[in-house]
């Protein structure tokens, strides 16, 4: 076994730490808020990164951050390092936005903003905190079933597809430390994003199971991956779409 592949000391499962800490981006609303709320309810210390506090619980620590701004993201990472001095048990990158347009109407600035928040934001937060992640820690990136390609959503799909590739790469790199990296990819989810005029050209379609995905369901799947139950799942993209991806 090469030195690079040789595992280090056995990791201490995050669940055994007195108070587990999780960094959650996009924690002020939508799926990010649901994940933060779920973790706070289970006794985690949540550090929520978002532009505003929104409905984030008072029990969580709000860290102001605009992931579209690299300087703001770097500053938020510094704040987290100082606040979570004992280390970070989990990072959940849930911040997101969506612009929809056909191929002849694409606006580069919109694609760049989605890339900045979805992909560069993951790079800055996970890359900046990887040294603070405890052995046996967890990383979950919130992707989208759209990553396989949907008419009118090419830019958005491209950014979400990139998350799956990054997760597999990071999973291989961090496996020697017992850290797992996965993507949770929901289909149409009942959040305020569905009413955003920026995506009005491609309205959501109710999946075969007859209703939209609930944010709490995405949160529950995410927590499965953060708990000991998810210890042997890494480098995977798990789709939750109510059957929308069926043939």
C-alpha atoms as a PDB file:
ATOM      1  CA  UNK A   1       0.000   0.000   0.000  1.00  0.00           C
ATOM      2  CA  UNK A   2       1.409   3.389  -0.974  1.00  0.00           C
ATOM      3  CA  UNK A   3       1.967   6.112   1.594  1.00  0.00           C
ATOM      4  CA  UNK A   4      -0.780   8.204  -0.033  1.00  0.00           C
ATOM      5  CA  UNK A   5      -3.308   5.400   0.217  1.00  0.00           C
ATOM      6  CA  UNK A   6      -2.367   4.203   3.720  1.00  0.00           C
ATOM      7  CA  UNK A   7      -5.229   5.036   6.123  1.00  0.00           C
ATOM      8  CA  UNK A   8      -4.521   7.130   9.187  1.00  0.00           C
ATOM      9  CA  UNK A   9      -5.825   6.562  12.707  1.00  0.00           C
ATOM     10  CA  UNK A  10      -9.339   5.168  13.022  1.00  0.00           C
ATOM     11  CA  UNK A  11     -11.754   8.116  12.801  1.00  0.00           C
ATOM     12  CA  UNK A  12     -13.928   9.132  15.685  1.00  0.00           C
ATOM     13  CA  UNK A  13     -17.527   8.956  14.407  1.00  0.00           C
ATOM     14  CA  UNK A  14     -19.112  12.425  14.464  1.00  0.00           C
ATOM     15  CA  UNK A  15     -22.036  11.038  16.489  1.00  0.00           C
ATOM     16  CA  UNK A  16     -19.680  10.383  19.423  1.00  0.00           C
ATOM     17  CA  UNK A  17     -18.701  14.038  19.795  1.00  0.00           C
ATOM     18  CA  UNK A  18     -20.516  15.932  22.542  1.00  0.00           C
ATOM     19  CA  UNK A  19     -21.927  18.556  20.168  1.00  0.00           C
ATOM     20  CA  UNK A  20     -21.629  18.001  16.472  1.00  0.00           C
ATOM     21  CA  UNK A  21     -21.197  21.036  14.253  1.00  0.00           C
ATOM     22  CA  UNK A  22     -22.426  21.458  10.685  1.00  0.00           C
ATOM     23  CA  UNK A  23     -21.833  24.263   8.227  1.00  0.00           C
ATOM     24  CA  UNK A  24     -24.901  24.746   6.027  1.00  0.00           C
ATOM     25  CA  UNK A  25     -24.863  27.166   3.101  1.00  0.00           C
ATOM     26  CA  UNK A  26     -28.107  28.712   1.915  1.00  0.00           C
ATOM     27  CA  UNK A  27     -29.472  28.250   5.434  1.00  0.00           C
ATOM     28  CA  UNK A  28     -31.947  31.143   5.379  1.00  0.00           C
ATOM     29  CA  UNK A  29     -34.620  29.556   3.179  1.00  0.00           C
ATOM     30  CA  UNK A  30     -35.720  26.578   1.104  1.00  0.00           C
ATOM     31  CA  UNK A  31     -33.841  23.293   1.308  1.00  0.00           C
ATOM     32  CA  UNK A  32     -30.922  24.832   3.211  1.00  0.00           C
ATOM     33  CA  UNK A  33     -33.271  26.132   5.910  1.00  0.00           C
ATOM     34  CA  UNK A  34     -35.002  22.744   6.159  1.00  0.00           C
ATOM     35  CA  UNK A  35     -31.647  21.013   6.611  1.00  0.00           C
ATOM     36  CA  UNK A  36     -30.513  23.542   9.215  1.00  0.00           C
ATOM     37  CA  UNK A  37     -33.809  23.205  11.105  1.00  0.00           C
ATOM     38  CA  UNK A  38     -33.592  19.401  11.040  1.00  0.00           C
ATOM     39  CA  UNK A  39     -30.034  19.391  12.367  1.00  0.00           C
ATOM     40  CA  UNK A  40     -30.739  21.946  15.105  1.00  0.00           C
ATOM     41  CA  UNK A  41     -33.665  19.779  16.213  1.00  0.00           C
ATOM     42  CA  UNK A  42     -31.306  16.830  16.506  1.00  0.00           C
ATOM     43  CA  UNK A  43     -28.867  18.717  18.701  1.00  0.00           C
ATOM     44  CA  UNK A  44     -26.309  19.819  16.121  1.00  0.00           C
ATOM     45  CA  UNK A  45     -24.626  23.211  16.288  1.00  0.00           C
ATOM     46  CA  UNK A  46     -25.421  24.722  12.902  1.00  0.00           C
ATOM     47  CA  UNK A  47     -23.371  27.505  11.365  1.00  0.00           C
ATOM     48  CA  UNK A  48     -25.594  28.888   8.635  1.00  0.00           C
ATOM     49  CA  UNK A  49     -23.977  30.752   5.744  1.00  0.00           C
ATOM     50  CA  UNK A  50     -26.388  33.001   3.858  1.00  0.00           C
ATOM     51  CA  UNK A  51     -26.905  36.579   2.711  1.00  0.00           C
ATOM     52  CA  UNK A  52     -29.583  37.154   5.355  1.00  0.00           C
ATOM     53  CA  UNK A  53     -30.610  35.312   8.483  1.00  0.00           C
ATOM     54  CA  UNK A  54     -34.111  34.793   7.126  1.00  0.00           C
ATOM     55  CA  UNK A  55     -35.983  32.174   9.143  1.00  0.00           C
ATOM     56  CA  UNK A  56     -32.826  30.523  10.504  1.00  0.00           C
ATOM     57  CA  UNK A  57     -33.344  29.378  14.103  1.00  0.00           C
ATOM     58  CA  UNK A  58     -31.952  31.499  16.926  1.00  0.00           C
ATOM     59  CA  UNK A  59     -30.280  28.291  18.126  1.00  0.00           C
ATOM     60  CA  UNK A  60     -28.044  28.379  15.040  1.00  0.00           C
ATOM     61  CA  UNK A  61     -25.087  30.675  14.417  1.00  0.00           C
ATOM     62  CA  UNK A  62     -25.618  32.908  11.402  1.00  0.00           C
ATOM     63  CA  UNK A  63     -22.529  33.766   9.372  1.00  0.00           C
ATOM     64  CA  UNK A  64     -23.252  36.479   6.760  1.00  0.00           C
ATOM     65  CA  UNK A  65     -22.054  35.291   3.365  1.00  0.00           C
ATOM     66  CA  UNK A  66     -22.726  35.956  -0.304  1.00  0.00           C
ATOM     67  CA  UNK A  67     -21.284  32.947  -2.131  1.00  0.00           C
ATOM     68  CA  UNK A  68     -21.378  34.834  -5.428  1.00  0.00           C
ATOM     69  CA  UNK A  69     -18.675  37.065  -3.936  1.00  0.00           C
ATOM     70  CA  UNK A  70     -15.389  35.242  -3.410  1.00  0.00           C
ATOM     71  CA  UNK A  71     -14.176  37.745  -0.807  1.00  0.00           C
ATOM     72  CA  UNK A  72     -17.371  37.311   1.218  1.00  0.00           C
ATOM     73  CA  UNK A  73     -17.066  33.517   1.021  1.00  0.00           C
ATOM     74  CA  UNK A  74     -13.442  33.589   2.163  1.00  0.00           C
ATOM     75  CA  UNK A  75     -14.354  35.820   5.115  1.00  0.00           C
ATOM     76  CA  UNK A  76     -17.177  33.454   6.114  1.00  0.00           C
ATOM     77  CA  UNK A  77     -14.738  30.539   6.064  1.00  0.00           C
ATOM     78  CA  UNK A  78     -12.418  32.458   8.403  1.00  0.00           C
ATOM     79  CA  UNK A  79     -15.315  33.133  10.771  1.00  0.00           C
ATOM     80  CA  UNK A  80     -16.282  29.446  10.791  1.00  0.00           C
ATOM     81  CA  UNK A  81     -12.711  28.389  11.555  1.00  0.00           C
ATOM     82  CA  UNK A  82     -12.674  30.718  14.544  1.00  0.00           C
ATOM     83  CA  UNK A  83     -16.123  29.716  15.767  1.00  0.00           C
ATOM     84  CA  UNK A  84     -15.796  25.947  15.358  1.00  0.00           C
ATOM     85  CA  UNK A  85     -12.400  25.706  17.030  1.00  0.00           C
ATOM     86  CA  UNK A  86     -12.946  22.038  17.861  1.00  0.00           C
ATOM     87  CA  UNK A  87     -13.461  21.145  14.231  1.00  0.00           C
ATOM     88  CA  UNK A  88     -16.356  20.764  11.815  1.00  0.00           C
ATOM     89  CA  UNK A  89     -18.269  17.479  11.609  1.00  0.00           C
ATOM     90  CA  UNK A  90     -20.214  18.185   8.419  1.00  0.00           C
ATOM     91  CA  UNK A  91     -20.525  20.609   5.534  1.00  0.00           C
ATOM     92  CA  UNK A  92     -23.781  20.839   3.578  1.00  0.00           C
ATOM     93  CA  UNK A  93     -23.700  23.056   0.506  1.00  0.00           C
ATOM     94  CA  UNK A  94     -27.341  23.879  -0.207  1.00  0.00           C
ATOM     95  CA  UNK A  95     -27.122  27.443  -1.510  1.00  0.00           C
ATOM     96  CA  UNK A  96     -28.626  27.787  -4.946  1.00  0.00           C
ATOM     97  CA  UNK A  97     -30.473  29.837  -7.509  1.00  0.00           C
ATOM     98  CA  UNK A  98     -31.907  29.166 -10.927  1.00  0.00           C
ATOM     99  CA  UNK A  99     -32.207  31.014 -14.219  1.00  0.00           C
ATOM    100  CA  UNK A 100     -34.000  29.350 -17.099  1.00  0.00           C
ATOM    101  CA  UNK A 101     -33.621  30.123 -20.807  1.00  0.00           C
ATOM    102  CA  UNK A 102     -33.489  28.366 -24.150  1.00  0.00           C
ATOM    103  CA  UNK A 103     -30.213  27.995 -26.013  1.00  0.00           C
ATOM    104  CA  UNK A 104     -30.835  31.076 -28.150  1.00  0.00           C
ATOM    105  CA  UNK A 105     -31.581  33.281 -25.132  1.00  0.00           C
ATOM    106  CA  UNK A 106     -28.797  32.339 -22.735  1.00  0.00           C
ATOM    107  CA  UNK A 107     -27.228  35.178 -20.775  1.00  0.00           C
ATOM    108  CA  UNK A 108     -23.600  34.493 -19.793  1.00  0.00           C
ATOM    109  CA  UNK A 109     -23.840  36.598 -16.652  1.00  0.00           C
ATOM    110  CA  UNK A 110     -26.637  34.377 -15.356  1.00  0.00           C
ATOM    111  CA  UNK A 111     -24.652  31.231 -16.053  1.00  0.00           C
ATOM    112  CA  UNK A 112     -21.635  32.768 -14.334  1.00  0.00           C
ATOM    113  CA  UNK A 113     -23.651  33.642 -11.236  1.00  0.00           C
ATOM    114  CA  UNK A 114     -25.034  30.100 -10.946  1.00  0.00           C
ATOM    115  CA  UNK A 115     -21.543  28.676 -11.420  1.00  0.00           C
ATOM    116  CA  UNK A 116     -20.194  31.036  -8.749  1.00  0.00           C
ATOM    117  CA  UNK A 117     -22.793  30.006  -6.166  1.00  0.00           C
ATOM    118  CA  UNK A 118     -23.141  26.300  -6.962  1.00  0.00           C
ATOM    119  CA  UNK A 119     -19.628  25.271  -8.003  1.00  0.00           C
ATOM    120  CA  UNK A 120     -17.141  27.927  -6.934  1.00  0.00           C
ATOM    121  CA  UNK A 121     -19.067  28.295  -3.680  1.00  0.00           C
ATOM    122  CA  UNK A 122     -18.560  24.590  -2.978  1.00  0.00           C
ATOM    123  CA  UNK A 123     -14.870  24.920  -3.829  1.00  0.00           C
ATOM    124  CA  UNK A 124     -14.379  27.877  -1.495  1.00  0.00           C
ATOM    125  CA  UNK A 125     -16.344  26.497   1.456  1.00  0.00           C
ATOM    126  CA  UNK A 126     -15.313  22.838   1.317  1.00  0.00           C
ATOM    127  CA  UNK A 127     -11.779  23.643   0.198  1.00  0.00           C
ATOM    128  CA  UNK A 128     -11.414  26.311   2.863  1.00  0.00           C
ATOM    129  CA  UNK A 129     -12.714  24.076   5.654  1.00  0.00           C
ATOM    130  CA  UNK A 130     -11.318  20.695   4.628  1.00  0.00           C
ATOM    131  CA  UNK A 131      -8.513  21.081   7.147  1.00  0.00           C
ATOM    132  CA  UNK A 132     -11.105  21.686   9.874  1.00  0.00           C
ATOM    133  CA  UNK A 133     -13.198  18.624   9.016  1.00  0.00           C
ATOM    134  CA  UNK A 134     -12.831  15.959  11.676  1.00  0.00           C
ATOM    135  CA  UNK A 135     -11.820  12.419  10.775  1.00  0.00           C
ATOM    136  CA  UNK A 136     -15.006  10.610   9.795  1.00  0.00           C
ATOM    137  CA  UNK A 137     -16.679  13.894   8.808  1.00  0.00           C
ATOM    138  CA  UNK A 138     -19.282  14.369   6.111  1.00  0.00           C
ATOM    139  CA  UNK A 139     -19.783  16.543   3.056  1.00  0.00           C
ATOM    140  CA  UNK A 140     -23.110  16.736   1.220  1.00  0.00           C
ATOM    141  CA  UNK A 141     -23.636  18.868  -1.873  1.00  0.00           C
ATOM    142  CA  UNK A 142     -27.233  19.605  -2.862  1.00  0.00           C
ATOM    143  CA  UNK A 143     -27.504  18.988  -6.585  1.00  0.00           C
ATOM    144  CA  UNK A 144     -30.543  18.505  -8.775  1.00  0.00           C
ATOM    145  CA  UNK A 145     -32.167  15.826 -10.876  1.00  0.00           C
ATOM    146  CA  UNK A 146     -31.907  18.428 -13.636  1.00  0.00           C
ATOM    147  CA  UNK A 147     -28.179  17.610 -13.866  1.00  0.00           C
ATOM    148  CA  UNK A 148     -28.925  15.062 -16.607  1.00  0.00           C
ATOM    149  CA  UNK A 149     -30.250  17.835 -18.862  1.00  0.00           C
ATOM    150  CA  UNK A 150     -33.647  19.508 -19.176  1.00  0.00           C
ATOM    151  CA  UNK A 151     -34.832  21.777 -22.023  1.00  0.00           C
ATOM    152  CA  UNK A 152     -34.504  25.427 -21.051  1.00  0.00           C
ATOM    153  CA  UNK A 153     -32.180  24.750 -18.109  1.00  0.00           C
ATOM    154  CA  UNK A 154     -28.824  24.062 -19.741  1.00  0.00           C
ATOM    155  CA  UNK A 155     -26.782  26.488 -17.641  1.00  0.00           C
ATOM    156  CA  UNK A 156     -28.363  25.351 -14.383  1.00  0.00           C
ATOM    157  CA  UNK A 157     -27.981  21.687 -15.340  1.00  0.00           C
ATOM    158  CA  UNK A 158     -24.305  22.195 -16.153  1.00  0.00           C
ATOM    159  CA  UNK A 159     -23.546  23.631 -12.722  1.00  0.00           C
ATOM    160  CA  UNK A 160     -25.375  20.821 -10.935  1.00  0.00           C
ATOM    161  CA  UNK A 161     -23.674  18.166 -13.083  1.00  0.00           C
ATOM    162  CA  UNK A 162     -20.331  19.635 -12.035  1.00  0.00           C
ATOM    163  CA  UNK A 163     -21.183  18.986  -8.383  1.00  0.00           C
ATOM    164  CA  UNK A 164     -21.487  15.252  -9.021  1.00  0.00           C
ATOM    165  CA  UNK A 165     -18.044  15.149 -10.640  1.00  0.00           C
ATOM    166  CA  UNK A 166     -16.489  17.167  -7.820  1.00  0.00           C
ATOM    167  CA  UNK A 167     -18.094  14.968  -5.175  1.00  0.00           C
ATOM    168  CA  UNK A 168     -16.635  11.784  -6.667  1.00  0.00           C
ATOM    169  CA  UNK A 169     -13.205  13.377  -6.916  1.00  0.00           C
ATOM    170  CA  UNK A 170     -13.280  14.672  -3.350  1.00  0.00           C
ATOM    171  CA  UNK A 171     -14.650  11.369  -2.051  1.00  0.00           C
ATOM    172  CA  UNK A 172     -11.580   9.575  -3.411  1.00  0.00           C
ATOM    173  CA  UNK A 173      -9.226  12.198  -2.001  1.00  0.00           C
ATOM    174  CA  UNK A 174     -10.765  12.234   1.487  1.00  0.00           C
ATOM    175  CA  UNK A 175     -11.486   8.508   1.937  1.00  0.00           C
ATOM    176  CA  UNK A 176      -8.202   7.937   3.843  1.00  0.00           C
ATOM    177  CA  UNK A 177      -9.545  10.286   6.544  1.00  0.00           C
ATOM    178  CA  UNK A 178     -12.884   8.483   6.669  1.00  0.00           C
ATOM    179  CA  UNK A 179     -14.663  11.549   5.255  1.00  0.00           C
ATOM    180  CA  UNK A 180     -17.584  10.863   2.923  1.00  0.00           C
ATOM    181  CA  UNK A 181     -18.712  13.162   0.111  1.00  0.00           C
ATOM    182  CA  UNK A 182     -22.070  12.738  -1.601  1.00  0.00           C
ATOM    183  CA  UNK A 183     -24.655  14.628  -3.631  1.00  0.00           C
ATOM    184  CA  UNK A 184     -28.361  14.728  -2.801  1.00  0.00           C
ATOM    185  CA  UNK A 185     -30.210  15.539  -6.035  1.00  0.00           C
ATOM    186  CA  UNK A 186     -33.884  16.426  -5.547  1.00  0.00           C
ATOM    187  CA  UNK A 187     -36.430  16.843  -8.291  1.00  0.00           C
ATOM    188  CA  UNK A 188     -39.104  19.575  -8.162  1.00  0.00           C
ATOM    189  CA  UNK A 189     -39.203  20.653  -4.514  1.00  0.00           C
ATOM    190  CA  UNK A 190     -41.824  22.852  -2.881  1.00  0.00           C
ATOM    191  CA  UNK A 191     -39.744  25.941  -2.147  1.00  0.00           C
ATOM    192  CA  UNK A 192     -39.976  29.630  -2.977  1.00  0.00           C
ATOM    193  CA  UNK A 193     -37.632  29.014  -5.912  1.00  0.00           C
ATOM    194  CA  UNK A 194     -40.582  27.540  -7.824  1.00  0.00           C
ATOM    195  CA  UNK A 195     -42.202  30.976  -7.857  1.00  0.00           C
ATOM    196  CA  UNK A 196     -39.045  32.823  -8.904  1.00  0.00           C
ATOM    197  CA  UNK A 197     -39.741  34.709 -12.173  1.00  0.00           C
ATOM    198  CA  UNK A 198     -36.199  33.870 -13.320  1.00  0.00           C
ATOM    199  CA  UNK A 199     -37.334  30.296 -13.936  1.00  0.00           C
ATOM    200  CA  UNK A 200     -40.855  31.063 -15.137  1.00  0.00           C
ATOM    201  CA  UNK A 201     -40.101  29.914 -18.693  1.00  0.00           C
ATOM    202  CA  UNK A 202     -39.803  26.302 -17.473  1.00  0.00           C
ATOM    203  CA  UNK A 203     -42.545  25.630 -14.888  1.00  0.00           C
ATOM    204  CA  UNK A 204     -42.183  22.604 -12.587  1.00  0.00           C
ATOM    205  CA  UNK A 205     -43.848  19.343 -13.579  1.00  0.00           C
ATOM    206  CA  UNK A 206     -45.537  17.262 -10.892  1.00  0.00           C
ATOM    207  CA  UNK A 207     -43.755  13.874 -10.831  1.00  0.00           C
ATOM    208  CA  UNK A 208     -45.478  10.473 -11.223  1.00  0.00           C
ATOM    209  CA  UNK A 209     -45.933  10.032  -7.458  1.00  0.00           C
ATOM    210  CA  UNK A 210     -48.390  12.916  -7.606  1.00  0.00           C
ATOM    211  CA  UNK A 211     -46.792  15.729  -5.630  1.00  0.00           C
ATOM    212  CA  UNK A 212     -43.668  17.815  -5.281  1.00  0.00           C
ATOM    213  CA  UNK A 213     -40.810  16.810  -2.993  1.00  0.00           C
ATOM    214  CA  UNK A 214     -40.942  18.452   0.435  1.00  0.00           C
ATOM    215  CA  UNK A 215     -37.827  20.244   1.773  1.00  0.00           C
ATOM    216  CA  UNK A 216     -38.127  18.205   4.978  1.00  0.00           C
ATOM    217  CA  UNK A 217     -37.747  15.026   2.915  1.00  0.00           C
ATOM    218  CA  UNK A 218     -34.518  16.294   1.381  1.00  0.00           C
ATOM    219  CA  UNK A 219     -33.361  17.218   4.895  1.00  0.00           C
ATOM    220  CA  UNK A 220     -34.101  13.721   6.167  1.00  0.00           C
ATOM    221  CA  UNK A 221     -32.103  12.119   3.358  1.00  0.00           C
ATOM    222  CA  UNK A 222     -29.250  14.518   4.029  1.00  0.00           C
ATOM    223  CA  UNK A 223     -29.192  13.660   7.722  1.00  0.00           C
ATOM    224  CA  UNK A 224     -29.110   9.951   6.863  1.00  0.00           C
ATOM    225  CA  UNK A 225     -25.813  10.652   5.108  1.00  0.00           C
ATOM    226  CA  UNK A 226     -24.490  12.740   8.015  1.00  0.00           C
ATOM    227  CA  UNK A 227     -25.252  10.113  10.655  1.00  0.00           C
ATOM    228  CA  UNK A 228     -23.469   6.761  11.234  1.00  0.00           C
ATOM    229  CA  UNK A 229     -26.110   5.262   8.910  1.00  0.00           C
ATOM    230  CA  UNK A 230     -24.312   6.901   5.985  1.00  0.00           C
ATOM    231  CA  UNK A 231     -20.772   5.976   6.950  1.00  0.00           C
ATOM    232  CA  UNK A 232     -20.260   3.620   3.997  1.00  0.00           C
ATOM    233  CA  UNK A 233     -21.886   5.792   1.325  1.00  0.00           C
ATOM    234  CA  UNK A 234     -19.446   8.021  -0.533  1.00  0.00           C
ATOM    235  CA  UNK A 235     -18.960   9.433  -4.009  1.00  0.00           C
ATOM    236  CA  UNK A 236     -22.631   8.890  -4.830  1.00  0.00           C
ATOM    237  CA  UNK A 237     -25.424  11.030  -6.256  1.00  0.00           C
ATOM    238  CA  UNK A 238     -28.740  10.104  -4.683  1.00  0.00           C
ATOM    239  CA  UNK A 239     -31.794  11.271  -6.607  1.00  0.00           C
ATOM    240  CA  UNK A 240     -35.071  12.063  -4.819  1.00  0.00           C
ATOM    241  CA  UNK A 241     -37.582  13.049  -7.473  1.00  0.00           C
ATOM    242  CA  UNK A 242     -40.912  11.300  -6.929  1.00  0.00           C
ATOM    243  CA  UNK A 243     -40.371   9.293 -10.091  1.00  0.00           C
ATOM    244  CA  UNK A 244     -39.643  12.268 -12.350  1.00  0.00           C
ATOM    245  CA  UNK A 245     -36.537  10.535 -13.689  1.00  0.00           C
ATOM    246  CA  UNK A 246     -38.378   7.352 -14.661  1.00  0.00           C
ATOM    247  CA  UNK A 247     -38.533   6.559 -18.410  1.00  0.00           C
END
